[in-house]
Amino acid sequence: PEDTAVYYCAAERTFVVPTTPDAFGS
């Protein structure tokens, strides 16, 4: 039940794998 949420996909042109929302532009 705690998984309940709106799930968003994000993308950013980068070779790394950021984990913060501000790091993604799309």
mmCIF file of all heavy atoms, coordinates in Angstrom:
data_MODEL
# 
_entry.id   MODEL 
# 
loop_
_atom_site.group_PDB 
_atom_site.id 
_atom_site.type_symbol 
_atom_site.label_atom_id 
_atom_site.label_alt_id 
_atom_site.label_comp_id 
_atom_site.label_asym_id 
_atom_site.label_entity_id 
_atom_site.label_seq_id 
_atom_site.pdbx_PDB_ins_code 
_atom_site.Cartn_x 
_atom_site.Cartn_y 
_atom_site.Cartn_z 
_atom_site.occupancy 
_atom_site.B_iso_or_equiv 
_atom_site.pdbx_formal_charge 
_atom_site.auth_seq_id 
_atom_site.auth_comp_id 
_atom_site.auth_asym_id 
_atom_site.auth_atom_id 
_atom_site.pdbx_PDB_model_num 
ATOM 1   N N   . PRO A 1 1  ? 0.805  -1.222 0.000   1.00 0.00 ? 1  PRO A N   1 
ATOM 2   C CA  . PRO A 1 1  ? 0.000  0.000  0.000   1.00 0.00 ? 1  PRO A CA  1 
ATOM 3   C C   . PRO A 1 1  ? 0.837  1.271  0.000   1.00 0.00 ? 1  PRO A C   1 
ATOM 4   O O   . PRO A 1 1  ? 0.433  2.269  -0.599  1.00 0.00 ? 1  PRO A O   1 
ATOM 5   C CB  . PRO A 1 1  ? -0.828 -0.124 1.285   1.00 0.00 ? 1  PRO A CB  1 
ATOM 6   C CG  . PRO A 1 1  ? -0.974 -1.596 1.465   1.00 0.00 ? 1  PRO A CG  1 
ATOM 7   C CD  . PRO A 1 1  ? 0.345  -2.175 1.031   1.00 0.00 ? 1  PRO A CD  1 
ATOM 8   N N   . GLU A 1 2  ? 1.980  1.243  0.645   1.00 0.00 ? 2  GLU A N   1 
ATOM 9   C CA  . GLU A 1 2  ? 2.845  2.414  0.679   1.00 0.00 ? 2  GLU A CA  1 
ATOM 10  C C   . GLU A 1 2  ? 3.492  2.730  -0.662  1.00 0.00 ? 2  GLU A C   1 
ATOM 11  O O   . GLU A 1 2  ? 4.135  3.770  -0.815  1.00 0.00 ? 2  GLU A O   1 
ATOM 12  C CB  . GLU A 1 2  ? 3.924  2.282  1.764   1.00 0.00 ? 2  GLU A CB  1 
ATOM 13  C CG  . GLU A 1 2  ? 4.696  0.977  1.697   1.00 0.00 ? 2  GLU A CG  1 
ATOM 14  C CD  . GLU A 1 2  ? 4.171  -0.066 2.672   1.00 0.00 ? 2  GLU A CD  1 
ATOM 15  O OE1 . GLU A 1 2  ? 2.938  -0.228 2.752   1.00 0.00 ? 2  GLU A OE1 1 
ATOM 16  O OE2 . GLU A 1 2  ? 4.994  -0.705 3.350   1.00 0.00 ? 2  GLU A OE2 1 
ATOM 17  N N   . ASP A 1 3  ? 3.333  1.852  -1.628  1.00 0.00 ? 3  ASP A N   1 
ATOM 18  C CA  . ASP A 1 3  ? 3.808  2.129  -2.983  1.00 0.00 ? 3  ASP A CA  1 
ATOM 19  C C   . ASP A 1 3  ? 2.831  3.010  -3.750  1.00 0.00 ? 3  ASP A C   1 
ATOM 20  O O   . ASP A 1 3  ? 3.143  3.450  -4.860  1.00 0.00 ? 3  ASP A O   1 
ATOM 21  C CB  . ASP A 1 3  ? 4.030  0.837  -3.759  1.00 0.00 ? 3  ASP A CB  1 
ATOM 22  C CG  . ASP A 1 3  ? 5.165  -0.002 -3.195  1.00 0.00 ? 3  ASP A CG  1 
ATOM 23  O OD1 . ASP A 1 3  ? 6.201  0.575  -2.805  1.00 0.00 ? 3  ASP A OD1 1 
ATOM 24  O OD2 . ASP A 1 3  ? 5.017  -1.241 -3.155  1.00 0.00 ? 3  ASP A OD2 1 
ATOM 25  N N   . THR A 1 4  ? 1.674  3.234  -3.186  1.00 0.00 ? 4  THR A N   1 
ATOM 26  C CA  . THR A 1 4  ? 0.667  4.056  -3.838  1.00 0.00 ? 4  THR A CA  1 
ATOM 27  C C   . THR A 1 4  ? 1.186  5.471  -4.052  1.00 0.00 ? 4  THR A C   1 
ATOM 28  O O   . THR A 1 4  ? 1.612  6.137  -3.110  1.00 0.00 ? 4  THR A O   1 
ATOM 29  C CB  . THR A 1 4  ? -0.617 4.099  -3.007  1.00 0.00 ? 4  THR A CB  1 
ATOM 30  O OG1 . THR A 1 4  ? -1.184 2.784  -2.936  1.00 0.00 ? 4  THR A OG1 1 
ATOM 31  C CG2 . THR A 1 4  ? -1.641 5.039  -3.635  1.00 0.00 ? 4  THR A CG2 1 
ATOM 32  N N   . ALA A 1 5  ? 1.159  5.917  -5.287  1.00 0.00 ? 5  ALA A N   1 
ATOM 33  C CA  . ALA A 1 5  ? 1.670  7.238  -5.634  1.00 0.00 ? 5  ALA A CA  1 
ATOM 34  C C   . ALA A 1 5  ? 1.473  7.469  -7.123  1.00 0.00 ? 5  ALA A C   1 
ATOM 35  O O   . ALA A 1 5  ? 1.117  6.552  -7.869  1.00 0.00 ? 5  ALA A O   1 
ATOM 36  C CB  . ALA A 1 5  ? 3.154  7.358  -5.287  1.00 0.00 ? 5  ALA A CB  1 
ATOM 37  N N   . VAL A 1 6  ? 1.713  8.690  -7.533  1.00 0.00 ? 6  VAL A N   1 
ATOM 38  C CA  . VAL A 1 6  ? 1.838  8.981  -8.946  1.00 0.00 ? 6  VAL A CA  1 
ATOM 39  C C   . VAL A 1 6  ? 3.287  8.728  -9.324  1.00 0.00 ? 6  VAL A C   1 
ATOM 40  O O   . VAL A 1 6  ? 4.199  9.259  -8.695  1.00 0.00 ? 6  VAL A O   1 
ATOM 41  C CB  . VAL A 1 6  ? 1.449  10.431 -9.279  1.00 0.00 ? 6  VAL A CB  1 
ATOM 42  C CG1 . VAL A 1 6  ? 1.688  10.723 -10.757 1.00 0.00 ? 6  VAL A CG1 1 
ATOM 43  C CG2 . VAL A 1 6  ? -0.008 10.685 -8.924  1.00 0.00 ? 6  VAL A CG2 1 
ATOM 44  N N   . TYR A 1 7  ? 3.494  7.925  -10.328 1.00 0.00 ? 7  TYR A N   1 
ATOM 45  C CA  . TYR A 1 7  ? 4.836  7.582  -10.760 1.00 0.00 ? 7  TYR A CA  1 
ATOM 46  C C   . TYR A 1 7  ? 5.210  8.386  -11.991 1.00 0.00 ? 7  TYR A C   1 
ATOM 47  O O   . TYR A 1 7  ? 4.462  8.442  -12.967 1.00 0.00 ? 7  TYR A O   1 
ATOM 48  C CB  . TYR A 1 7  ? 4.923  6.081  -11.057 1.00 0.00 ? 7  TYR A CB  1 
ATOM 49  C CG  . TYR A 1 7  ? 5.023  5.243  -9.808  1.00 0.00 ? 7  TYR A CG  1 
ATOM 50  C CD1 . TYR A 1 7  ? 3.932  5.121  -8.958  1.00 0.00 ? 7  TYR A CD1 1 
ATOM 51  C CD2 . TYR A 1 7  ? 6.205  4.594  -9.463  1.00 0.00 ? 7  TYR A CD2 1 
ATOM 52  C CE1 . TYR A 1 7  ? 4.016  4.373  -7.791  1.00 0.00 ? 7  TYR A CE1 1 
ATOM 53  C CE2 . TYR A 1 7  ? 6.296  3.842  -8.307  1.00 0.00 ? 7  TYR A CE2 1 
ATOM 54  C CZ  . TYR A 1 7  ? 5.199  3.733  -7.478  1.00 0.00 ? 7  TYR A CZ  1 
ATOM 55  O OH  . TYR A 1 7  ? 5.293  2.985  -6.324  1.00 0.00 ? 7  TYR A OH  1 
ATOM 56  N N   . TYR A 1 8  ? 6.374  8.997  -11.919 1.00 0.00 ? 8  TYR A N   1 
ATOM 57  C CA  . TYR A 1 8  ? 6.860  9.850  -12.990 1.00 0.00 ? 8  TYR A CA  1 
ATOM 58  C C   . TYR A 1 8  ? 8.124  9.276  -13.607 1.00 0.00 ? 8  TYR A C   1 
ATOM 59  O O   . TYR A 1 8  ? 9.009  8.790  -12.906 1.00 0.00 ? 8  TYR A O   1 
ATOM 60  C CB  . TYR A 1 8  ? 7.179  11.252 -12.466 1.00 0.00 ? 8  TYR A CB  1 
ATOM 61  C CG  . TYR A 1 8  ? 5.991  12.005 -11.921 1.00 0.00 ? 8  TYR A CG  1 
ATOM 62  C CD1 . TYR A 1 8  ? 5.660  11.927 -10.573 1.00 0.00 ? 8  TYR A CD1 1 
ATOM 63  C CD2 . TYR A 1 8  ? 5.217  12.803 -12.754 1.00 0.00 ? 8  TYR A CD2 1 
ATOM 64  C CE1 . TYR A 1 8  ? 4.581  12.624 -10.070 1.00 0.00 ? 8  TYR A CE1 1 
ATOM 65  C CE2 . TYR A 1 8  ? 4.134  13.506 -12.256 1.00 0.00 ? 8  TYR A CE2 1 
ATOM 66  C CZ  . TYR A 1 8  ? 3.823  13.408 -10.911 1.00 0.00 ? 8  TYR A CZ  1 
ATOM 67  O OH  . TYR A 1 8  ? 2.753  14.108 -10.408 1.00 0.00 ? 8  TYR A OH  1 
ATOM 68  N N   . CYS A 1 9  ? 8.210  9.389  -14.896 1.00 0.00 ? 9  CYS A N   1 
ATOM 69  C CA  . CYS A 1 9  ? 9.414  9.034  -15.631 1.00 0.00 ? 9  CYS A CA  1 
ATOM 70  C C   . CYS A 1 9  ? 10.210 10.303 -15.903 1.00 0.00 ? 9  CYS A C   1 
ATOM 71  O O   . CYS A 1 9  ? 9.637  11.363 -16.158 1.00 0.00 ? 9  CYS A O   1 
ATOM 72  C CB  . CYS A 1 9  ? 9.027  8.353  -16.944 1.00 0.00 ? 9  CYS A CB  1 
ATOM 73  S SG  . CYS A 1 9  ? 10.416 7.901  -17.998 1.00 0.00 ? 9  CYS A SG  1 
ATOM 74  N N   . ALA A 1 10 ? 11.518 10.196 -15.829 1.00 0.00 ? 10 ALA A N   1 
ATOM 75  C CA  . ALA A 1 10 ? 12.379 11.342 -16.062 1.00 0.00 ? 10 ALA A CA  1 
ATOM 76  C C   . ALA A 1 10 ? 13.580 10.937 -16.901 1.00 0.00 ? 10 ALA A C   1 
ATOM 77  O O   . ALA A 1 10 ? 14.010 9.783  -16.878 1.00 0.00 ? 10 ALA A O   1 
ATOM 78  C CB  . ALA A 1 10 ? 12.845 11.936 -14.729 1.00 0.00 ? 10 ALA A CB  1 
ATOM 79  N N   . ALA A 1 11 ? 14.128 11.897 -17.629 1.00 0.00 ? 11 ALA A N   1 
ATOM 80  C CA  . ALA A 1 11 ? 15.287 11.638 -18.470 1.00 0.00 ? 11 ALA A CA  1 
ATOM 81  C C   . ALA A 1 11 ? 16.218 12.841 -18.487 1.00 0.00 ? 11 ALA A C   1 
ATOM 82  O O   . ALA A 1 11 ? 15.783 13.979 -18.357 1.00 0.00 ? 11 ALA A O   1 
ATOM 83  C CB  . ALA A 1 11 ? 14.860 11.299 -19.892 1.00 0.00 ? 11 ALA A CB  1 
ATOM 84  N N   . GLU A 1 12 ? 17.493 12.551 -18.641 1.00 0.00 ? 12 GLU A N   1 
ATOM 85  C CA  . GLU A 1 12 ? 18.491 13.604 -18.743 1.00 0.00 ? 12 GLU A CA  1 
ATOM 86  C C   . GLU A 1 12 ? 19.676 13.091 -19.539 1.00 0.00 ? 12 GLU A C   1 
ATOM 87  O O   . GLU A 1 12 ? 20.116 11.953 -19.348 1.00 0.00 ? 12 GLU A O   1 
ATOM 88  C CB  . GLU A 1 12 ? 18.952 14.063 -17.360 1.00 0.00 ? 12 GLU A CB  1 
ATOM 89  C CG  . GLU A 1 12 ? 19.983 15.178 -17.380 1.00 0.00 ? 12 GLU A CG  1 
ATOM 90  C CD  . GLU A 1 12 ? 19.459 16.444 -18.030 1.00 0.00 ? 12 GLU A CD  1 
ATOM 91  O OE1 . GLU A 1 12 ? 18.276 16.772 -17.814 1.00 0.00 ? 12 GLU A OE1 1 
ATOM 92  O OE2 . GLU A 1 12 ? 20.229 17.105 -18.763 1.00 0.00 ? 12 GLU A OE2 1 
ATOM 93  N N   . ARG A 1 13 ? 20.195 13.923 -20.412 1.00 0.00 ? 13 ARG A N   1 
ATOM 94  C CA  . ARG A 1 13 ? 21.360 13.551 -21.202 1.00 0.00 ? 13 ARG A CA  1 
ATOM 95  C C   . ARG A 1 13 ? 22.596 13.632 -20.334 1.00 0.00 ? 13 ARG A C   1 
ATOM 96  O O   . ARG A 1 13 ? 23.156 14.703 -20.124 1.00 0.00 ? 13 ARG A O   1 
ATOM 97  C CB  . ARG A 1 13 ? 21.496 14.448 -22.423 1.00 0.00 ? 13 ARG A CB  1 
ATOM 98  C CG  . ARG A 1 13 ? 20.349 14.289 -23.406 1.00 0.00 ? 13 ARG A CG  1 
ATOM 99  C CD  . ARG A 1 13 ? 20.596 15.055 -24.690 1.00 0.00 ? 13 ARG A CD  1 
ATOM 100 N NE  . ARG A 1 13 ? 19.445 14.947 -25.586 1.00 0.00 ? 13 ARG A NE  1 
ATOM 101 C CZ  . ARG A 1 13 ? 19.220 13.930 -26.388 1.00 0.00 ? 13 ARG A CZ  1 
ATOM 102 N NH1 . ARG A 1 13 ? 20.077 12.908 -26.431 1.00 0.00 ? 13 ARG A NH1 1 
ATOM 103 N NH2 . ARG A 1 13 ? 18.144 13.908 -27.164 1.00 0.00 ? 13 ARG A NH2 1 
ATOM 104 N N   . THR A 1 14 ? 22.991 12.487 -19.837 1.00 0.00 ? 14 THR A N   1 
ATOM 105 C CA  . THR A 1 14 ? 24.141 12.390 -18.956 1.00 0.00 ? 14 THR A CA  1 
ATOM 106 C C   . THR A 1 14 ? 24.637 10.948 -18.937 1.00 0.00 ? 14 THR A C   1 
ATOM 107 O O   . THR A 1 14 ? 23.870 10.008 -19.165 1.00 0.00 ? 14 THR A O   1 
ATOM 108 C CB  . THR A 1 14 ? 23.794 12.846 -17.528 1.00 0.00 ? 14 THR A CB  1 
ATOM 109 O OG1 . THR A 1 14 ? 24.927 12.665 -16.672 1.00 0.00 ? 14 THR A OG1 1 
ATOM 110 C CG2 . THR A 1 14 ? 22.629 12.032 -16.964 1.00 0.00 ? 14 THR A CG2 1 
ATOM 111 N N   . PHE A 1 15 ? 25.905 10.796 -18.661 1.00 0.00 ? 15 PHE A N   1 
ATOM 112 C CA  . PHE A 1 15 ? 26.487 9.458  -18.557 1.00 0.00 ? 15 PHE A CA  1 
ATOM 113 C C   . PHE A 1 15 ? 26.357 8.888  -17.148 1.00 0.00 ? 15 PHE A C   1 
ATOM 114 O O   . PHE A 1 15 ? 26.572 7.696  -16.941 1.00 0.00 ? 15 PHE A O   1 
ATOM 115 C CB  . PHE A 1 15 ? 27.965 9.480  -18.957 1.00 0.00 ? 15 PHE A CB  1 
ATOM 116 C CG  . PHE A 1 15 ? 28.193 9.658  -20.420 1.00 0.00 ? 15 PHE A CG  1 
ATOM 117 C CD1 . PHE A 1 15 ? 28.535 10.894 -20.945 1.00 0.00 ? 15 PHE A CD1 1 
ATOM 118 C CD2 . PHE A 1 15 ? 28.073 8.584  -21.286 1.00 0.00 ? 15 PHE A CD2 1 
ATOM 119 C CE1 . PHE A 1 15 ? 28.751 11.063 -22.298 1.00 0.00 ? 15 PHE A CE1 1 
ATOM 120 C CE2 . PHE A 1 15 ? 28.285 8.735  -22.649 1.00 0.00 ? 15 PHE A CE2 1 
ATOM 121 C CZ  . PHE A 1 15 ? 28.622 9.984  -23.154 1.00 0.00 ? 15 PHE A CZ  1 
ATOM 122 N N   . VAL A 1 16 ? 26.036 9.742  -16.206 1.00 0.00 ? 16 VAL A N   1 
ATOM 123 C CA  . VAL A 1 16 ? 25.889 9.297  -14.834 1.00 0.00 ? 16 VAL A CA  1 
ATOM 124 C C   . VAL A 1 16 ? 24.438 8.941  -14.567 1.00 0.00 ? 16 VAL A C   1 
ATOM 125 O O   . VAL A 1 16 ? 23.574 9.055  -15.437 1.00 0.00 ? 16 VAL A O   1 
ATOM 126 C CB  . VAL A 1 16 ? 26.386 10.365 -13.835 1.00 0.00 ? 16 VAL A CB  1 
ATOM 127 C CG1 . VAL A 1 16 ? 27.850 10.668 -14.087 1.00 0.00 ? 16 VAL A CG1 1 
ATOM 128 C CG2 . VAL A 1 16 ? 25.551 11.640 -13.955 1.00 0.00 ? 16 VAL A CG2 1 
ATOM 129 N N   . VAL A 1 17 ? 24.156 8.500  -13.369 1.00 0.00 ? 17 VAL A N   1 
ATOM 130 C CA  . VAL A 1 17 ? 22.806 8.102  -12.993 1.00 0.00 ? 17 VAL A CA  1 
ATOM 131 C C   . VAL A 1 17 ? 22.367 8.888  -11.762 1.00 0.00 ? 17 VAL A C   1 
ATOM 132 O O   . VAL A 1 17 ? 22.398 8.382  -10.646 1.00 0.00 ? 17 VAL A O   1 
ATOM 133 C CB  . VAL A 1 17 ? 22.706 6.578  -12.748 1.00 0.00 ? 17 VAL A CB  1 
ATOM 134 C CG1 . VAL A 1 17 ? 22.697 5.829  -14.068 1.00 0.00 ? 17 VAL A CG1 1 
ATOM 135 C CG2 . VAL A 1 17 ? 23.869 6.079  -11.890 1.00 0.00 ? 17 VAL A CG2 1 
ATOM 136 N N   . PRO A 1 18 ? 21.950 10.124 -11.959 1.00 0.00 ? 18 PRO A N   1 
ATOM 137 C CA  . PRO A 1 18 ? 21.499 10.930 -10.825 1.00 0.00 ? 18 PRO A CA  1 
ATOM 138 C C   . PRO A 1 18 ? 20.228 10.391 -10.204 1.00 0.00 ? 18 PRO A C   1 
ATOM 139 O O   . PRO A 1 18 ? 19.459 9.665  -10.844 1.00 0.00 ? 18 PRO A O   1 
ATOM 140 C CB  . PRO A 1 18 ? 21.276 12.311 -11.452 1.00 0.00 ? 18 PRO A CB  1 
ATOM 141 C CG  . PRO A 1 18 ? 21.005 12.025 -12.894 1.00 0.00 ? 18 PRO A CG  1 
ATOM 142 C CD  . PRO A 1 18 ? 21.860 10.841 -13.223 1.00 0.00 ? 18 PRO A CD  1 
ATOM 143 N N   . THR A 1 19 ? 20.001 10.783 -8.965  1.00 0.00 ? 19 THR A N   1 
ATOM 144 C CA  . THR A 1 19 ? 18.854 10.284 -8.217  1.00 0.00 ? 19 THR A CA  1 
ATOM 145 C C   . THR A 1 19 ? 17.987 11.389 -7.637  1.00 0.00 ? 19 THR A C   1 
ATOM 146 O O   . THR A 1 19 ? 17.046 11.097 -6.910  1.00 0.00 ? 19 THR A O   1 
ATOM 147 C CB  . THR A 1 19 ? 19.313 9.361  -7.079  1.00 0.00 ? 19 THR A CB  1 
ATOM 148 O OG1 . THR A 1 19 ? 20.178 10.086 -6.192  1.00 0.00 ? 19 THR A OG1 1 
ATOM 149 C CG2 . THR A 1 19 ? 20.065 8.152  -7.628  1.00 0.00 ? 19 THR A CG2 1 
ATOM 150 N N   . THR A 1 20 ? 18.281 12.629 -7.947  1.00 0.00 ? 20 THR A N   1 
ATOM 151 C CA  . THR A 1 20 ? 17.497 13.743 -7.436  1.00 0.00 ? 20 THR A CA  1 
ATOM 152 C C   . THR A 1 20 ? 16.656 14.352 -8.547  1.00 0.00 ? 20 THR A C   1 
ATOM 153 O O   . THR A 1 20 ? 17.092 14.425 -9.689  1.00 0.00 ? 20 THR A O   1 
ATOM 154 C CB  . THR A 1 20 ? 18.403 14.823 -6.825  1.00 0.00 ? 20 THR A CB  1 
ATOM 155 O OG1 . THR A 1 20 ? 19.355 15.255 -7.797  1.00 0.00 ? 20 THR A OG1 1 
ATOM 156 C CG2 . THR A 1 20 ? 19.149 14.271 -5.620  1.00 0.00 ? 20 THR A CG2 1 
ATOM 157 N N   . PRO A 1 21 ? 15.451 14.796 -8.228  1.00 0.00 ? 21 PRO A N   1 
ATOM 158 C CA  . PRO A 1 21 ? 14.565 15.348 -9.259  1.00 0.00 ? 21 PRO A CA  1 
ATOM 159 C C   . PRO A 1 21 ? 15.158 16.525 -10.021 1.00 0.00 ? 21 PRO A C   1 
ATOM 160 O O   . PRO A 1 21 ? 14.931 16.654 -11.231 1.00 0.00 ? 21 PRO A O   1 
ATOM 161 C CB  . PRO A 1 21 ? 13.326 15.785 -8.458  1.00 0.00 ? 21 PRO A CB  1 
ATOM 162 C CG  . PRO A 1 21 ? 13.327 14.901 -7.255  1.00 0.00 ? 21 PRO A CG  1 
ATOM 163 C CD  . PRO A 1 21 ? 14.778 14.723 -6.916  1.00 0.00 ? 21 PRO A CD  1 
ATOM 164 N N   . ASP A 1 22 ? 15.925 17.363 -9.331  1.00 0.00 ? 22 ASP A N   1 
ATOM 165 C CA  . ASP A 1 22 ? 16.475 18.550 -9.964  1.00 0.00 ? 22 ASP A CA  1 
ATOM 166 C C   . ASP A 1 22 ? 17.502 18.236 -11.027 1.00 0.00 ? 22 ASP A C   1 
ATOM 167 O O   . ASP A 1 22 ? 17.842 19.103 -11.841 1.00 0.00 ? 22 ASP A O   1 
ATOM 168 C CB  . ASP A 1 22 ? 17.090 19.472 -8.906  1.00 0.00 ? 22 ASP A CB  1 
ATOM 169 C CG  . ASP A 1 22 ? 18.141 18.771 -8.066  1.00 0.00 ? 22 ASP A CG  1 
ATOM 170 O OD1 . ASP A 1 22 ? 17.768 17.949 -7.210  1.00 0.00 ? 22 ASP A OD1 1 
ATOM 171 O OD2 . ASP A 1 22 ? 19.338 19.050 -8.265  1.00 0.00 ? 22 ASP A OD2 1 
ATOM 172 N N   . ALA A 1 23 ? 18.017 17.013 -11.052 1.00 0.00 ? 23 ALA A N   1 
ATOM 173 C CA  . ALA A 1 23 ? 19.027 16.627 -12.025 1.00 0.00 ? 23 ALA A CA  1 
ATOM 174 C C   . ALA A 1 23 ? 18.430 16.226 -13.366 1.00 0.00 ? 23 ALA A C   1 
ATOM 175 O O   . ALA A 1 23 ? 19.173 16.046 -14.331 1.00 0.00 ? 23 ALA A O   1 
ATOM 176 C CB  . ALA A 1 23 ? 19.871 15.484 -11.471 1.00 0.00 ? 23 ALA A CB  1 
ATOM 177 N N   . PHE A 1 24 ? 17.125 16.089 -13.424 1.00 0.00 ? 24 PHE A N   1 
ATOM 178 C CA  . PHE A 1 24 ? 16.463 15.647 -14.641 1.00 0.00 ? 24 PHE A CA  1 
ATOM 179 C C   . PHE A 1 24 ? 15.683 16.780 -15.279 1.00 0.00 ? 24 PHE A C   1 
ATOM 180 O O   . PHE A 1 24 ? 14.929 17.489 -14.606 1.00 0.00 ? 24 PHE A O   1 
ATOM 181 C CB  . PHE A 1 24 ? 15.533 14.469 -14.352 1.00 0.00 ? 24 PHE A CB  1 
ATOM 182 C CG  . PHE A 1 24 ? 16.268 13.214 -13.990 1.00 0.00 ? 24 PHE A CG  1 
ATOM 183 C CD1 . PHE A 1 24 ? 16.640 12.968 -12.686 1.00 0.00 ? 24 PHE A CD1 1 
ATOM 184 C CD2 . PHE A 1 24 ? 16.596 12.288 -14.970 1.00 0.00 ? 24 PHE A CD2 1 
ATOM 185 C CE1 . PHE A 1 24 ? 17.339 11.814 -12.349 1.00 0.00 ? 24 PHE A CE1 1 
ATOM 186 C CE2 . PHE A 1 24 ? 17.287 11.134 -14.643 1.00 0.00 ? 24 PHE A CE2 1 
ATOM 187 C CZ  . PHE A 1 24 ? 17.662 10.899 -13.332 1.00 0.00 ? 24 PHE A CZ  1 
ATOM 188 N N   . GLY A 1 25 ? 15.875 16.936 -16.565 1.00 0.00 ? 25 GLY A N   1 
ATOM 189 C CA  . GLY A 1 25 ? 15.240 18.027 -17.274 1.00 0.00 ? 25 GLY A CA  1 
ATOM 190 C C   . GLY A 1 25 ? 13.967 17.673 -18.008 1.00 0.00 ? 25 GLY A C   1 
ATOM 191 O O   . GLY A 1 25 ? 13.182 18.559 -18.353 1.00 0.00 ? 25 GLY A O   1 
ATOM 192 N N   . SER A 1 26 ? 13.745 16.411 -18.262 1.00 0.00 ? 26 SER A N   1 
ATOM 193 C CA  . SER A 1 26 ? 12.554 15.964 -18.979 1.00 0.00 ? 26 SER A CA  1 
ATOM 194 C C   . SER A 1 26 ? 11.716 15.072 -18.087 1.00 0.00 ? 26 SER A C   1 
ATOM 195 O O   . SER A 1 26 ? 12.240 14.160 -17.442 1.00 0.00 ? 26 SER A O   1 
ATOM 196 C CB  . SER A 1 26 ? 12.934 15.209 -20.253 1.00 0.00 ? 26 SER A CB  1 
ATOM 197 O OG  . SER A 1 26 ? 13.666 16.039 -21.142 1.00 0.00 ? 26 SER A OG  1 
# 
